[in-house]
Amino acid sequence: MEKQPDINKFLYQKYDYRGKFTPENLVFNANLQEFAAHVSYICDLETLGKLSAEGAYNQISELWQQLERSYVELGFNSEK
């Protein structure tokens, strides 16, 4: 019997982090990758007419706010 691929690994692919390693950088990179994947799916749904432009904007705006909160909570200086 052939092993079924893990759907989450397929849909939410993670890539190795290659920047300067700190635990905070690694966590933020994972959050950024998740943000990018979700934005891509939202854009696809809007393009297919399954989601309104306003709905897509609102969802992306909420995801952006979550990403900004994670950035601040991880101790990065947002005033650079």
N, C-alpha and C. Protein backbone atom coordinates (compact mmCIF):
# COMPACT_ATOMS: atom_id res chain seq x y z
N MET A 1 0.84 -1.17 0.00
CA MET A 1 0.00 0.00 0.00
C MET A 1 0.89 1.24 0.00
N GLU A 2 0.55 2.19 -0.87
CA GLU A 2 1.34 3.42 -0.99
C GLU A 2 1.00 4.39 0.14
N LYS A 3 2.03 5.00 0.73
CA LYS A 3 1.84 5.95 1.82
C LYS A 3 1.23 7.24 1.29
N GLN A 4 0.19 7.72 1.95
CA GLN A 4 -0.47 8.97 1.57
C GLN A 4 0.36 10.16 2.05
N PRO A 5 0.52 11.19 1.21
CA PRO A 5 1.26 12.37 1.65
C PRO A 5 0.48 13.14 2.72
N ASP A 6 1.20 13.78 3.60
CA ASP A 6 0.58 14.60 4.63
C ASP A 6 0.07 15.88 3.98
N ILE A 7 -1.25 16.10 4.01
CA ILE A 7 -1.86 17.24 3.34
C ILE A 7 -1.35 18.56 3.90
N ASN A 8 -1.08 18.62 5.20
CA ASN A 8 -0.58 19.87 5.79
C ASN A 8 0.82 20.20 5.29
N LYS A 9 1.66 19.19 5.11
CA LYS A 9 3.00 19.43 4.58
C LYS A 9 2.92 19.89 3.13
N PHE A 10 1.91 19.40 2.41
CA PHE A 10 1.73 19.81 1.02
C PHE A 10 1.21 21.24 0.93
N LEU A 11 0.20 21.56 1.74
CA LEU A 11 -0.42 22.88 1.68
C LEU A 11 0.42 23.97 2.33
N TYR A 12 1.08 23.64 3.41
CA TYR A 12 1.84 24.63 4.18
C TYR A 12 3.31 24.23 4.22
N GLN A 13 3.94 24.33 3.07
CA GLN A 13 5.34 23.93 2.97
C GLN A 13 6.22 24.88 3.74
N LYS A 14 7.17 24.33 4.45
CA LYS A 14 8.14 25.12 5.20
C LYS A 14 9.50 24.95 4.53
N TYR A 15 10.24 26.03 4.50
CA TYR A 15 11.57 25.99 3.93
C TYR A 15 12.60 26.26 5.02
N ASP A 16 13.79 25.72 4.84
CA ASP A 16 14.85 25.92 5.82
C ASP A 16 15.20 27.40 5.93
N TYR A 17 15.47 27.83 7.15
CA TYR A 17 15.87 29.21 7.40
C TYR A 17 17.36 29.34 7.16
N ARG A 18 17.76 30.33 6.38
CA ARG A 18 19.17 30.49 6.02
C ARG A 18 19.76 31.81 6.47
N GLY A 19 19.00 32.59 7.23
CA GLY A 19 19.50 33.87 7.72
C GLY A 19 20.31 33.70 8.98
N LYS A 20 20.63 34.84 9.61
CA LYS A 20 21.35 34.82 10.88
C LYS A 20 20.48 34.11 11.91
N PHE A 21 21.03 33.05 12.53
CA PHE A 21 20.21 32.25 13.44
C PHE A 21 20.12 32.87 14.82
N THR A 22 18.89 33.11 15.22
CA THR A 22 18.51 33.36 16.60
C THR A 22 17.15 32.69 16.75
N PRO A 23 16.77 32.28 17.95
CA PRO A 23 15.44 31.68 18.10
C PRO A 23 14.33 32.62 17.61
N GLU A 24 14.49 33.92 17.86
CA GLU A 24 13.48 34.89 17.44
C GLU A 24 13.38 34.97 15.91
N ASN A 25 14.54 34.98 15.24
CA ASN A 25 14.53 35.01 13.78
C ASN A 25 13.87 33.77 13.20
N LEU A 26 14.15 32.63 13.79
CA LEU A 26 13.58 31.38 13.32
C LEU A 26 12.07 31.37 13.48
N VAL A 27 11.58 31.81 14.63
CA VAL A 27 10.13 31.85 14.87
C VAL A 27 9.47 32.85 13.93
N PHE A 28 10.07 34.03 13.77
CA PHE A 28 9.46 35.03 12.88
C PHE A 28 9.45 34.53 11.45
N ASN A 29 10.50 33.84 11.02
CA ASN A 29 10.53 33.29 9.67
C ASN A 29 9.39 32.30 9.47
N ALA A 30 9.14 31.45 10.45
CA ALA A 30 8.03 30.49 10.35
C ALA A 30 6.70 31.24 10.27
N ASN A 31 6.55 32.29 11.08
CA ASN A 31 5.32 33.10 11.03
C ASN A 31 5.16 33.78 9.67
N LEU A 32 6.27 34.27 9.11
CA LEU A 32 6.23 34.93 7.82
C LEU A 32 5.86 33.96 6.71
N GLN A 33 6.40 32.74 6.76
CA GLN A 33 6.06 31.73 5.76
C GLN A 33 4.58 31.37 5.84
N GLU A 34 4.07 31.24 7.06
CA GLU A 34 2.65 30.93 7.24
C GLU A 34 1.78 32.07 6.70
N PHE A 35 2.17 33.32 6.98
CA PHE A 35 1.47 34.49 6.46
C PHE A 35 1.42 34.43 4.93
N ALA A 36 2.56 34.20 4.31
CA ALA A 36 2.64 34.17 2.85
C ALA A 36 1.76 33.08 2.25
N ALA A 37 1.75 31.91 2.87
CA ALA A 37 0.91 30.82 2.37
C ALA A 37 -0.57 31.18 2.47
N HIS A 38 -0.97 31.75 3.60
CA HIS A 38 -2.38 32.12 3.78
C HIS A 38 -2.79 33.22 2.81
N VAL A 39 -1.92 34.20 2.60
CA VAL A 39 -2.23 35.28 1.66
C VAL A 39 -2.40 34.71 0.25
N SER A 40 -1.56 33.76 -0.12
CA SER A 40 -1.67 33.14 -1.43
C SER A 40 -3.02 32.45 -1.60
N TYR A 41 -3.46 31.70 -0.60
CA TYR A 41 -4.76 31.02 -0.68
C TYR A 41 -5.91 32.02 -0.73
N ILE A 42 -5.82 33.09 0.04
CA ILE A 42 -6.88 34.11 0.03
C ILE A 42 -6.95 34.75 -1.36
N CYS A 43 -5.80 35.06 -1.94
CA CYS A 43 -5.78 35.65 -3.28
C CYS A 43 -6.39 34.69 -4.31
N ASP A 44 -6.06 33.42 -4.19
CA ASP A 44 -6.63 32.43 -5.10
C ASP A 44 -8.15 32.38 -4.96
N LEU A 45 -8.66 32.38 -3.74
CA LEU A 45 -10.11 32.35 -3.52
C LEU A 45 -10.79 33.59 -4.09
N GLU A 46 -10.15 34.74 -3.94
CA GLU A 46 -10.72 35.97 -4.48
C GLU A 46 -10.71 35.92 -6.01
N THR A 47 -9.62 35.44 -6.60
CA THR A 47 -9.51 35.34 -8.05
C THR A 47 -10.58 34.41 -8.62
N LEU A 48 -10.88 33.33 -7.90
CA LEU A 48 -11.89 32.37 -8.36
C LEU A 48 -13.32 32.82 -8.06
N GLY A 49 -13.47 33.96 -7.41
CA GLY A 49 -14.80 34.46 -7.10
C GLY A 49 -15.43 33.83 -5.88
N LYS A 50 -14.66 33.11 -5.10
CA LYS A 50 -15.18 32.45 -3.89
C LYS A 50 -15.14 33.38 -2.69
N LEU A 51 -14.47 34.52 -2.84
CA LEU A 51 -14.30 35.47 -1.75
C LEU A 51 -14.32 36.86 -2.38
N SER A 52 -15.03 37.78 -1.76
CA SER A 52 -15.09 39.15 -2.30
C SER A 52 -13.75 39.85 -2.09
N ALA A 53 -13.55 40.91 -2.86
CA ALA A 53 -12.33 41.70 -2.70
C ALA A 53 -12.26 42.27 -1.28
N GLU A 54 -13.40 42.75 -0.78
CA GLU A 54 -13.42 43.30 0.58
C GLU A 54 -13.12 42.22 1.62
N GLY A 55 -13.70 41.03 1.43
CA GLY A 55 -13.43 39.93 2.35
C GLY A 55 -11.96 39.52 2.33
N ALA A 56 -11.38 39.49 1.13
CA ALA A 56 -9.96 39.14 1.00
C ALA A 56 -9.11 40.20 1.69
N TYR A 57 -9.43 41.46 1.46
CA TYR A 57 -8.69 42.54 2.08
C TYR A 57 -8.75 42.44 3.60
N ASN A 58 -9.95 42.21 4.12
CA ASN A 58 -10.13 42.13 5.58
C ASN A 58 -9.34 40.96 6.17
N GLN A 59 -9.37 39.81 5.50
CA GLN A 59 -8.63 38.65 6.01
C GLN A 59 -7.13 38.89 5.97
N ILE A 60 -6.65 39.48 4.88
CA ILE A 60 -5.21 39.75 4.77
C ILE A 60 -4.80 40.80 5.79
N SER A 61 -5.65 41.80 6.00
CA SER A 61 -5.36 42.82 7.01
C SER A 61 -5.23 42.21 8.40
N GLU A 62 -6.12 41.29 8.75
CA GLU A 62 -6.05 40.62 10.05
C GLU A 62 -4.79 39.78 10.16
N LEU A 63 -4.44 39.07 9.10
CA LEU A 63 -3.20 38.28 9.11
C LEU A 63 -1.99 39.18 9.28
N TRP A 64 -2.01 40.35 8.62
CA TRP A 64 -0.90 41.29 8.73
C TRP A 64 -0.77 41.79 10.17
N GLN A 65 -1.90 42.10 10.80
CA GLN A 65 -1.86 42.56 12.19
C GLN A 65 -1.28 41.47 13.10
N GLN A 66 -1.64 40.22 12.84
CA GLN A 66 -1.08 39.11 13.63
C GLN A 66 0.43 39.02 13.42
N LEU A 67 0.89 39.20 12.19
CA LEU A 67 2.31 39.15 11.89
C LEU A 67 3.05 40.30 12.58
N GLU A 68 2.46 41.49 12.54
CA GLU A 68 3.07 42.63 13.24
C GLU A 68 3.16 42.39 14.74
N ARG A 69 2.10 41.81 15.33
CA ARG A 69 2.13 41.51 16.77
C ARG A 69 3.24 40.53 17.08
N SER A 70 3.40 39.50 16.25
CA SER A 70 4.46 38.53 16.51
C SER A 70 5.82 39.19 16.41
N TYR A 71 5.97 40.12 15.47
CA TYR A 71 7.23 40.84 15.29
C TYR A 71 7.60 41.61 16.55
N VAL A 72 6.62 42.33 17.09
CA VAL A 72 6.84 43.12 18.30
C VAL A 72 7.07 42.20 19.51
N GLU A 73 6.25 41.16 19.64
CA GLU A 73 6.36 40.25 20.79
C GLU A 73 7.69 39.52 20.80
N LEU A 74 8.28 39.32 19.63
CA LEU A 74 9.58 38.65 19.56
C LEU A 74 10.73 39.60 19.85
N GLY A 75 10.41 40.88 20.07
CA GLY A 75 11.43 41.84 20.49
C GLY A 75 12.14 42.56 19.38
N PHE A 76 11.61 42.50 18.15
CA PHE A 76 12.23 43.24 17.06
C PHE A 76 11.82 44.70 17.16
N ASN A 77 12.72 45.58 16.79
CA ASN A 77 12.45 47.00 16.83
C ASN A 77 11.74 47.40 15.55
N SER A 78 10.49 47.83 15.65
CA SER A 78 9.72 48.19 14.46
C SER A 78 10.03 49.59 13.96
N GLU A 79 10.96 50.30 14.61
CA GLU A 79 11.32 51.66 14.22
C GLU A 79 12.57 51.72 13.35
N LYS A 80 12.96 50.62 12.72
CA LYS A 80 14.18 50.61 11.88
C LYS A 80 13.92 51.23 10.55
